[in-house]
Each structure stands twice: as structure tokens, then as C-alpha cells.
């Protein structure tokens, strides 16, 4: 029985497992979503949640704790500058695991580990980009109408 034995072994020794989980957490913070196997996603999820909880406090000590765990300084910067403020009012539940089906090569079940709200941020960015393109097209259309003949009414 596994009483009081938390965590996932993932068929790896301690060093390999810690490196794998650090890499997964860093990737989730940098890219806001990753595709991996279900056990790896379930193992990385609490660690991502702890990093975001650290970012909500934003002290020198919490920054150093996060920097000791994450692999890149860019991930630490994004964690404290963007994600800590975005999840400031939320009490936990910062991530979601969505099952995607079976991988073709070895039949492993795939899952997407993503930050909650990342789809809204990406959709808003896409909407802003389309709006800019429409405005630019309208401006070019006005300039073309002025140079040539007058537009017909």
C-alpha cells in the first residue's frame, strides 16, 4: 500500500524525474500549454500550481525560490510579471488537463496541460491582429481612391 506516498515515479530515478518535471513546468510557464502523456501532465500540474502561487506573493524570496526551480530566467520573468498578476484574484485551479487521445507511435494517451484563460488571451491577441489588418486595409483603400478617379456613389 502507498499510504502517505505522494507523487509519481514515472519509471525514472530521482534525478531524471526531477529534471523532467522542471522542464515540463518551465515549458508550461513559457508557452502556456504543452502536449505530453497523461501521467506526466498529472505529475507536473501541482508543481505549476505552486509556482503560480509563489508568483502571487512576488517577494525577493519567492523570486529566488522560483528561479531555483525553473530552468530559464525568461520563465521566471514571465511568471512574476504576467502570470502572477493574471491569477491574482483566483484561489487555485490555474491549470487544466485535457485528454487528446492516443499517440500513433506507441499508443500512449496524450494530454494537453494548459493554463486556464490562455485560450482567452490568445483569442484576444488574434482578434486585435485581425482588427489592425482591417484598419490597414481600409486606410489603403482610402489612399487608392484619392489617387485615382473618384469613387462612384
N, C-alpha and C. Protein backbone atom coordinates (compact mmCIF):
# COMPACT_ATOMS: atom_id res chain seq x y z
N UNK A 1 0.84 -1.19 0.00
CA UNK A 1 0.00 0.00 0.00
C UNK A 1 0.87 1.24 0.00
N UNK A 2 0.34 2.30 -0.60
CA UNK A 2 1.11 3.53 -0.75
C UNK A 2 0.60 4.62 0.19
N UNK A 3 0.40 4.30 1.45
CA UNK A 3 -0.07 5.31 2.38
C UNK A 3 1.00 6.38 2.56
N UNK A 4 0.60 7.63 2.44
CA UNK A 4 1.47 8.81 2.60
C UNK A 4 2.65 8.81 1.64
N UNK A 5 2.47 8.21 0.48
CA UNK A 5 3.50 8.23 -0.56
C UNK A 5 2.94 9.02 -1.73
N UNK A 6 3.18 10.31 -1.74
CA UNK A 6 2.60 11.14 -2.78
C UNK A 6 3.56 11.25 -3.96
N UNK A 7 3.05 11.70 -5.07
CA UNK A 7 3.88 11.93 -6.24
C UNK A 7 3.83 10.77 -7.21
N UNK A 8 4.49 10.96 -8.34
CA UNK A 8 4.51 9.99 -9.41
C UNK A 8 5.95 9.57 -9.66
N UNK A 9 6.18 8.28 -9.88
CA UNK A 9 7.54 7.81 -10.15
C UNK A 9 7.92 7.95 -11.61
N UNK A 10 6.97 7.77 -12.51
CA UNK A 10 7.18 7.91 -13.95
C UNK A 10 8.30 7.02 -14.50
N UNK A 11 8.56 5.89 -13.81
CA UNK A 11 9.57 4.92 -14.25
C UNK A 11 10.96 5.54 -14.44
N UNK A 12 11.32 6.47 -13.58
CA UNK A 12 12.61 7.14 -13.67
C UNK A 12 13.24 7.22 -12.29
N UNK A 13 14.58 7.37 -12.26
CA UNK A 13 15.22 7.61 -10.98
C UNK A 13 15.01 9.07 -10.57
N UNK A 14 15.44 9.42 -9.38
CA UNK A 14 15.10 10.71 -8.79
C UNK A 14 15.61 11.87 -9.64
N UNK A 15 16.86 11.81 -10.08
CA UNK A 15 17.43 12.92 -10.85
C UNK A 15 16.74 13.11 -12.19
N UNK A 16 16.49 12.02 -12.88
CA UNK A 16 15.81 12.12 -14.17
C UNK A 16 14.39 12.64 -14.01
N UNK A 17 13.71 12.17 -12.98
CA UNK A 17 12.34 12.61 -12.74
C UNK A 17 12.28 14.10 -12.41
N UNK A 18 13.19 14.57 -11.57
CA UNK A 18 13.21 15.99 -11.23
C UNK A 18 13.53 16.85 -12.44
N UNK A 19 14.47 16.42 -13.26
CA UNK A 19 14.80 17.17 -14.48
C UNK A 19 13.62 17.22 -15.43
N UNK A 20 12.95 16.10 -15.60
CA UNK A 20 11.79 16.05 -16.47
C UNK A 20 10.70 17.01 -16.00
N UNK A 21 10.41 16.97 -14.71
CA UNK A 21 9.34 17.82 -14.18
C UNK A 21 9.71 19.29 -14.23
N UNK A 22 10.97 19.62 -13.97
CA UNK A 22 11.40 21.02 -14.10
C UNK A 22 11.25 21.51 -15.54
N UNK A 23 11.60 20.66 -16.49
CA UNK A 23 11.45 21.03 -17.90
C UNK A 23 10.00 21.22 -18.29
N UNK A 24 9.13 20.32 -17.82
CA UNK A 24 7.70 20.44 -18.13
C UNK A 24 7.11 21.72 -17.54
N UNK A 25 7.45 22.02 -16.29
CA UNK A 25 6.91 23.21 -15.63
C UNK A 25 7.41 24.47 -16.33
N UNK A 26 8.69 24.50 -16.68
CA UNK A 26 9.24 25.66 -17.39
C UNK A 26 8.54 25.84 -18.73
N UNK A 27 8.29 24.76 -19.45
CA UNK A 27 7.62 24.85 -20.74
C UNK A 27 6.19 25.34 -20.61
N UNK A 28 5.48 24.88 -19.59
CA UNK A 28 4.10 25.32 -19.39
C UNK A 28 4.07 26.83 -19.11
N UNK A 29 5.01 27.30 -18.32
CA UNK A 29 5.02 28.73 -17.98
C UNK A 29 5.40 29.56 -19.21
N UNK A 30 6.35 29.09 -20.00
CA UNK A 30 6.77 29.86 -21.17
C UNK A 30 5.73 29.84 -22.28
N UNK A 31 5.16 28.67 -22.59
CA UNK A 31 4.28 28.53 -23.74
C UNK A 31 2.80 28.49 -23.38
N UNK A 32 2.47 28.37 -22.11
CA UNK A 32 1.11 28.34 -21.57
C UNK A 32 0.34 27.07 -21.90
N UNK A 33 0.87 26.19 -22.73
CA UNK A 33 0.26 24.89 -22.95
C UNK A 33 1.30 23.95 -23.55
N UNK A 34 1.23 22.68 -23.11
CA UNK A 34 2.12 21.66 -23.67
C UNK A 34 1.30 20.40 -23.90
N UNK A 35 1.77 19.57 -24.82
CA UNK A 35 1.16 18.27 -25.07
C UNK A 35 2.15 17.22 -24.60
N UNK A 36 1.69 16.34 -23.71
CA UNK A 36 2.54 15.30 -23.14
C UNK A 36 1.64 14.12 -22.79
N UNK A 37 2.19 13.13 -22.11
CA UNK A 37 1.36 12.00 -21.71
C UNK A 37 0.56 12.36 -20.45
N UNK A 38 -0.49 11.61 -20.21
CA UNK A 38 -1.37 11.91 -19.08
C UNK A 38 -0.64 11.81 -17.73
N UNK A 39 0.15 10.76 -17.45
CA UNK A 39 0.83 10.73 -16.15
C UNK A 39 1.81 11.89 -15.95
N UNK A 40 2.51 12.28 -17.00
CA UNK A 40 3.43 13.41 -16.87
C UNK A 40 2.67 14.71 -16.62
N UNK A 41 1.54 14.88 -17.30
CA UNK A 41 0.72 16.08 -17.09
C UNK A 41 0.19 16.13 -15.66
N UNK A 42 -0.27 14.97 -15.16
CA UNK A 42 -0.79 14.93 -13.79
C UNK A 42 0.32 15.15 -12.76
N UNK A 43 1.54 14.73 -13.08
CA UNK A 43 2.66 14.93 -12.16
C UNK A 43 3.12 16.39 -12.16
N UNK A 44 3.07 17.05 -13.30
CA UNK A 44 3.56 18.42 -13.40
C UNK A 44 2.54 19.44 -12.91
N UNK A 45 1.27 19.08 -12.93
CA UNK A 45 0.21 20.03 -12.59
C UNK A 45 0.38 20.68 -11.21
N UNK A 46 0.59 19.91 -10.12
CA UNK A 46 0.73 20.57 -8.82
C UNK A 46 1.96 21.47 -8.73
N UNK A 47 3.00 21.14 -9.47
CA UNK A 47 4.20 21.97 -9.44
C UNK A 47 3.96 23.30 -10.14
N UNK A 48 3.22 23.29 -11.24
CA UNK A 48 2.87 24.54 -11.92
C UNK A 48 2.00 25.39 -11.00
N UNK A 49 1.06 24.77 -10.31
CA UNK A 49 0.18 25.50 -9.39
C UNK A 49 1.01 26.15 -8.28
N UNK A 50 2.01 25.44 -7.75
CA UNK A 50 2.85 26.01 -6.70
C UNK A 50 3.66 27.19 -7.20
N UNK A 51 4.15 27.10 -8.44
CA UNK A 51 4.92 28.22 -9.00
C UNK A 51 4.04 29.46 -9.14
N UNK A 52 2.81 29.29 -9.59
CA UNK A 52 1.91 30.44 -9.74
C UNK A 52 1.55 31.02 -8.38
N UNK A 53 1.39 30.15 -7.38
CA UNK A 53 1.12 30.64 -6.03
C UNK A 53 2.30 31.45 -5.51
N UNK A 54 3.52 31.04 -5.82
CA UNK A 54 4.70 31.83 -5.45
C UNK A 54 4.66 33.18 -6.14
N UNK A 55 4.26 33.20 -7.40
CA UNK A 55 4.26 34.44 -8.18
C UNK A 55 3.24 35.43 -7.65
N UNK A 56 2.20 34.95 -7.04
CA UNK A 56 1.18 35.86 -6.49
C UNK A 56 1.72 36.66 -5.32
N UNK A 57 2.68 36.09 -4.57
CA UNK A 57 3.26 36.83 -3.44
C UNK A 57 4.30 37.84 -3.88
N UNK A 58 5.11 37.51 -4.87
CA UNK A 58 6.10 38.39 -5.50
C UNK A 58 6.99 39.12 -4.50
N UNK A 59 7.78 38.38 -3.76
CA UNK A 59 8.83 38.95 -2.92
C UNK A 59 10.17 38.45 -3.46
N UNK A 60 11.22 39.01 -2.93
CA UNK A 60 12.55 38.58 -3.37
C UNK A 60 12.76 37.09 -3.07
N UNK A 61 12.28 36.65 -1.92
CA UNK A 61 12.44 35.25 -1.54
C UNK A 61 11.69 34.33 -2.51
N UNK A 62 10.45 34.68 -2.86
CA UNK A 62 9.69 33.82 -3.77
C UNK A 62 10.29 33.84 -5.17
N UNK A 63 10.84 34.97 -5.58
CA UNK A 63 11.52 35.02 -6.89
C UNK A 63 12.72 34.09 -6.90
N UNK A 64 13.47 34.06 -5.81
CA UNK A 64 14.63 33.18 -5.74
C UNK A 64 14.22 31.71 -5.68
N UNK A 65 13.12 31.42 -4.99
CA UNK A 65 12.63 30.04 -4.96
C UNK A 65 12.23 29.58 -6.35
N UNK A 66 11.53 30.44 -7.09
CA UNK A 66 11.10 30.09 -8.44
C UNK A 66 12.31 29.96 -9.36
N UNK A 67 13.28 30.85 -9.23
CA UNK A 67 14.47 30.80 -10.07
C UNK A 67 15.28 29.53 -9.80
N UNK A 68 15.24 29.02 -8.57
CA UNK A 68 15.96 27.78 -8.26
C UNK A 68 15.30 26.59 -8.92
N UNK A 69 13.99 26.66 -9.17
CA UNK A 69 13.28 25.53 -9.76
C UNK A 69 13.19 25.62 -11.27
N UNK A 70 12.87 26.79 -11.80
CA UNK A 70 12.69 26.94 -13.25
C UNK A 70 14.03 26.97 -13.94
N UNK A 71 14.03 26.62 -15.23
CA UNK A 71 15.28 26.46 -15.95
C UNK A 71 15.76 27.71 -16.66
N UNK A 72 14.87 28.65 -16.99
CA UNK A 72 15.29 29.84 -17.74
C UNK A 72 14.87 31.11 -17.01
N UNK A 73 15.69 32.15 -17.08
CA UNK A 73 15.30 33.43 -16.48
C UNK A 73 14.07 34.03 -17.16
N UNK A 74 13.86 33.74 -18.44
CA UNK A 74 12.67 34.25 -19.14
C UNK A 74 11.39 33.69 -18.52
N UNK A 75 11.44 32.44 -18.10
CA UNK A 75 10.27 31.82 -17.47
C UNK A 75 9.98 32.48 -16.12
N UNK A 76 11.02 32.80 -15.37
CA UNK A 76 10.83 33.46 -14.08
C UNK A 76 10.22 34.84 -14.29
N UNK A 77 10.73 35.55 -15.27
CA UNK A 77 10.22 36.90 -15.56
C UNK A 77 8.76 36.85 -15.97
N UNK A 78 8.40 35.94 -16.85
CA UNK A 78 7.01 35.84 -17.30
C UNK A 78 6.12 35.41 -16.15
N UNK A 79 6.60 34.50 -15.32
CA UNK A 79 5.81 34.01 -14.19
C UNK A 79 5.42 35.15 -13.27
N UNK A 80 6.36 36.00 -12.92
CA UNK A 80 6.07 37.06 -11.96
C UNK A 80 5.44 38.29 -12.60
N UNK A 81 5.80 38.61 -13.84
CA UNK A 81 5.27 39.82 -14.46
C UNK A 81 3.87 39.63 -15.02
N UNK A 82 3.62 38.50 -15.67
CA UNK A 82 2.34 38.30 -16.34
C UNK A 82 1.41 37.36 -15.58
N UNK A 83 1.90 36.16 -15.25
CA UNK A 83 1.01 35.15 -14.69
C UNK A 83 0.61 35.45 -13.26
N UNK A 84 1.51 36.01 -12.47
CA UNK A 84 1.16 36.35 -11.09
C UNK A 84 0.05 37.37 -11.02
N UNK A 85 0.09 38.36 -11.91
CA UNK A 85 -0.96 39.38 -11.92
C UNK A 85 -2.25 38.83 -12.53
N UNK A 86 -2.13 37.97 -13.55
CA UNK A 86 -3.32 37.44 -14.20
C UNK A 86 -4.14 36.56 -13.25
N UNK A 87 -3.45 35.77 -12.41
CA UNK A 87 -4.15 34.87 -11.50
C UNK A 87 -4.23 35.43 -10.07
N UNK A 88 -4.03 36.73 -9.91
CA UNK A 88 -4.01 37.34 -8.58
C UNK A 88 -5.30 37.16 -7.79
N UNK A 89 -6.44 37.20 -8.45
CA UNK A 89 -7.73 37.09 -7.77
C UNK A 89 -8.25 35.66 -7.69
N UNK A 90 -7.54 34.72 -8.29
CA UNK A 90 -8.03 33.34 -8.36
C UNK A 90 -7.39 32.51 -7.27
N UNK A 91 -8.20 31.71 -6.57
CA UNK A 91 -7.69 30.87 -5.49
C UNK A 91 -7.50 29.44 -5.97
N UNK A 92 -6.41 29.17 -6.65
CA UNK A 92 -6.11 27.82 -7.10
C UNK A 92 -6.81 27.48 -8.39
N UNK A 93 -6.52 26.30 -8.91
CA UNK A 93 -7.13 25.85 -10.15
C UNK A 93 -6.62 26.63 -11.35
N UNK A 94 -5.32 26.80 -11.44
CA UNK A 94 -4.74 27.62 -12.52
C UNK A 94 -4.51 26.80 -13.79
N UNK A 95 -4.53 25.48 -13.68
CA UNK A 95 -4.21 24.64 -14.84
C UNK A 95 -5.36 23.69 -15.14
N UNK A 96 -5.31 23.15 -16.34
CA UNK A 96 -6.32 22.20 -16.80
C UNK A 96 -5.60 21.12 -17.59
N UNK A 97 -6.04 19.86 -17.41
CA UNK A 97 -5.51 18.74 -18.18
C UNK A 97 -6.63 18.25 -19.09
N UNK A 98 -6.40 18.33 -20.40
CA UNK A 98 -7.39 17.91 -21.39
C UNK A 98 -6.82 16.69 -22.11
N UNK A 99 -7.56 15.59 -22.09
CA UNK A 99 -7.11 14.37 -22.77
C UNK A 99 -7.34 14.50 -24.28
N UNK A 100 -6.33 14.11 -25.06
CA UNK A 100 -6.37 14.32 -26.51
C UNK A 100 -6.52 13.03 -27.31
N UNK A 101 -6.36 11.89 -26.70
CA UNK A 101 -6.44 10.64 -27.45
C UNK A 101 -5.13 9.89 -27.37
N UNK A 102 -4.99 8.93 -28.24
CA UNK A 102 -3.85 8.02 -28.19
C UNK A 102 -2.81 8.40 -29.22
N UNK A 103 -1.53 8.34 -28.85
CA UNK A 103 -0.43 8.64 -29.75
C UNK A 103 -0.27 7.48 -30.72
N UNK A 104 0.00 7.81 -31.98
CA UNK A 104 0.06 6.79 -33.02
C UNK A 104 1.25 5.84 -32.84
N UNK A 105 2.40 6.35 -32.45
CA UNK A 105 3.60 5.53 -32.39
C UNK A 105 3.56 4.42 -31.37
N UNK A 106 3.30 4.77 -30.12
CA UNK A 106 3.35 3.75 -29.06
C UNK A 106 2.04 3.56 -28.34
N UNK A 107 1.01 4.29 -28.71
CA UNK A 107 -0.30 4.11 -28.10
C UNK A 107 -0.45 4.77 -26.75
N UNK A 108 0.48 5.64 -26.38
CA UNK A 108 0.36 6.33 -25.09
C UNK A 108 -0.75 7.37 -25.16
N UNK A 109 -1.47 7.54 -24.06
CA UNK A 109 -2.56 8.52 -24.05
C UNK A 109 -1.97 9.91 -23.88
N UNK A 110 -2.31 10.80 -24.79
CA UNK A 110 -1.81 12.16 -24.80
C UNK A 110 -2.75 13.08 -24.02
N UNK A 111 -2.18 14.12 -23.45
CA UNK A 111 -2.98 15.12 -22.75
C UNK A 111 -2.34 16.48 -22.97
N UNK A 112 -3.17 17.52 -22.90
CA UNK A 112 -2.67 18.88 -23.01
C UNK A 112 -2.78 19.51 -21.62
N UNK A 113 -1.65 19.99 -21.10
CA UNK A 113 -1.62 20.70 -19.83
C UNK A 113 -1.54 22.17 -20.17
N UNK A 114 -2.56 22.94 -19.80
CA UNK A 114 -2.59 24.35 -20.17
C UNK A 114 -3.02 25.20 -18.99
N UNK A 115 -2.65 26.46 -19.05
CA UNK A 115 -3.09 27.41 -18.05
C UNK A 115 -4.51 27.85 -18.36
N UNK A 116 -5.34 27.97 -17.35
CA UNK A 116 -6.71 28.41 -17.54
C UNK A 116 -6.69 29.86 -17.99
N UNK A 117 -7.46 30.16 -19.02
CA UNK A 117 -7.52 31.52 -19.53
C UNK A 117 -6.54 31.80 -20.65
N UNK A 118 -5.64 30.87 -20.95
CA UNK A 118 -4.67 31.13 -22.01
C UNK A 118 -5.35 31.20 -23.36
N UNK A 119 -6.46 30.43 -23.52
CA UNK A 119 -7.18 30.49 -24.80
C UNK A 119 -7.82 31.86 -24.97
N UNK A 120 -8.24 32.50 -23.89
CA UNK A 120 -8.83 33.84 -23.98
C UNK A 120 -7.78 34.86 -24.37
N UNK A 121 -6.59 34.73 -23.81
CA UNK A 121 -5.51 35.66 -24.12
C UNK A 121 -5.12 35.52 -25.59
N UNK A 122 -5.01 34.28 -26.07
CA UNK A 122 -4.63 34.06 -27.47
C UNK A 122 -5.71 34.55 -28.41
N UNK A 123 -6.99 34.30 -28.04
CA UNK A 123 -8.09 34.76 -28.89
C UNK A 123 -8.13 36.28 -28.95
N UNK A 124 -7.88 36.95 -27.83
CA UNK A 124 -7.88 38.41 -27.81
C UNK A 124 -6.75 38.96 -28.67
N UNK A 125 -5.58 38.30 -28.63
CA UNK A 125 -4.46 38.74 -29.45
C UNK A 125 -4.77 38.55 -30.93
N UNK A 126 -5.39 37.43 -31.28
CA UNK A 126 -5.76 37.20 -32.68
C UNK A 126 -6.80 38.22 -33.14
N UNK A 127 -7.78 38.52 -32.27
CA UNK A 127 -8.81 39.49 -32.61
C UNK A 127 -8.20 40.87 -32.84
N UNK A 128 -7.25 41.27 -31.99
CA UNK A 128 -6.59 42.56 -32.15
C UNK A 128 -5.79 42.60 -33.46
N UNK A 129 -5.14 41.50 -33.79
CA UNK A 129 -4.36 41.44 -35.02
C UNK A 129 -5.27 41.58 -36.25
N UNK A 130 -6.41 40.88 -36.24
CA UNK A 130 -7.35 41.00 -37.36
C UNK A 130 -7.91 42.41 -37.47
N UNK A 131 -8.18 43.04 -36.34
CA UNK A 131 -8.70 44.41 -36.36
C UNK A 131 -7.67 45.37 -36.97
N UNK A 132 -6.40 45.19 -36.60
CA UNK A 132 -5.33 46.02 -37.18
C UNK A 132 -5.25 45.83 -38.69
N UNK A 133 -5.36 44.57 -39.13
CA UNK A 133 -5.30 44.30 -40.58
C UNK A 133 -6.47 44.94 -41.31
N UNK A 134 -7.66 44.89 -40.70
CA UNK A 134 -8.83 45.53 -41.33
C UNK A 134 -8.65 47.03 -41.43
N UNK A 135 -8.16 47.65 -40.35
CA UNK A 135 -7.93 49.10 -40.37
C UNK A 135 -6.90 49.48 -41.42
N UNK A 136 -5.86 48.68 -41.53
CA UNK A 136 -4.82 48.94 -42.52
C UNK A 136 -5.39 48.81 -43.94
N UNK A 137 -6.24 47.81 -44.16
CA UNK A 137 -6.86 47.64 -45.48
C UNK A 137 -7.79 48.80 -45.80
N UNK A 138 -8.52 49.28 -44.81
CA UNK A 138 -9.40 50.42 -45.03
C UNK A 138 -8.59 51.67 -45.35
N UNK A 139 -7.49 51.88 -44.63
CA UNK A 139 -6.63 53.03 -44.89
C UNK A 139 -6.03 52.97 -46.30
N UNK A 140 -5.60 51.79 -46.72
CA UNK A 140 -5.04 51.64 -48.06
C UNK A 140 -6.10 51.87 -49.12
N UNK A 141 -7.33 51.43 -48.84
CA UNK A 141 -8.43 51.64 -49.78
C UNK A 141 -8.74 53.12 -49.96
N UNK A 142 -8.67 53.90 -48.89
CA UNK A 142 -8.93 55.34 -48.97
C UNK A 142 -7.84 56.02 -49.77
N UNK A 143 -6.60 55.62 -49.53
CA UNK A 143 -5.49 56.24 -50.25
C UNK A 143 -5.55 55.91 -51.74
N UNK A 144 -5.93 54.71 -52.10
CA UNK A 144 -6.04 54.34 -53.51
C UNK A 144 -7.16 55.12 -54.18
N UNK A 145 -8.27 55.36 -53.47
CA UNK A 145 -9.39 56.12 -54.02
C UNK A 145 -9.02 57.57 -54.27
N UNK A 146 -8.17 58.16 -53.44
CA UNK A 146 -7.77 59.55 -53.61
C UNK A 146 -6.86 59.74 -54.81
N UNK A 147 -5.98 58.78 -55.04
CA UNK A 147 -5.01 58.93 -56.12
C UNK A 147 -5.67 58.79 -57.49
N UNK A 148 -6.53 57.84 -57.66
CA UNK A 148 -7.17 57.58 -58.95
C UNK A 148 -8.42 58.43 -59.11
N UNK A 149 -9.38 57.87 -59.80
CA UNK A 149 -10.62 58.58 -60.01
C UNK A 149 -11.46 58.56 -58.74
N UNK A 150 -12.46 59.40 -58.70
CA UNK A 150 -13.30 59.50 -57.53
C UNK A 150 -14.17 58.24 -57.42
N UNK A 151 -14.42 57.81 -56.18
CA UNK A 151 -15.26 56.61 -56.02
C UNK A 151 -16.70 56.90 -56.45
N UNK A 152 -17.34 55.90 -57.05
CA UNK A 152 -18.72 56.03 -57.51
C UNK A 152 -19.66 55.84 -56.35
N UNK A 153 -20.73 56.61 -56.34
CA UNK A 153 -21.69 56.51 -55.25
C UNK A 153 -22.94 55.82 -55.67
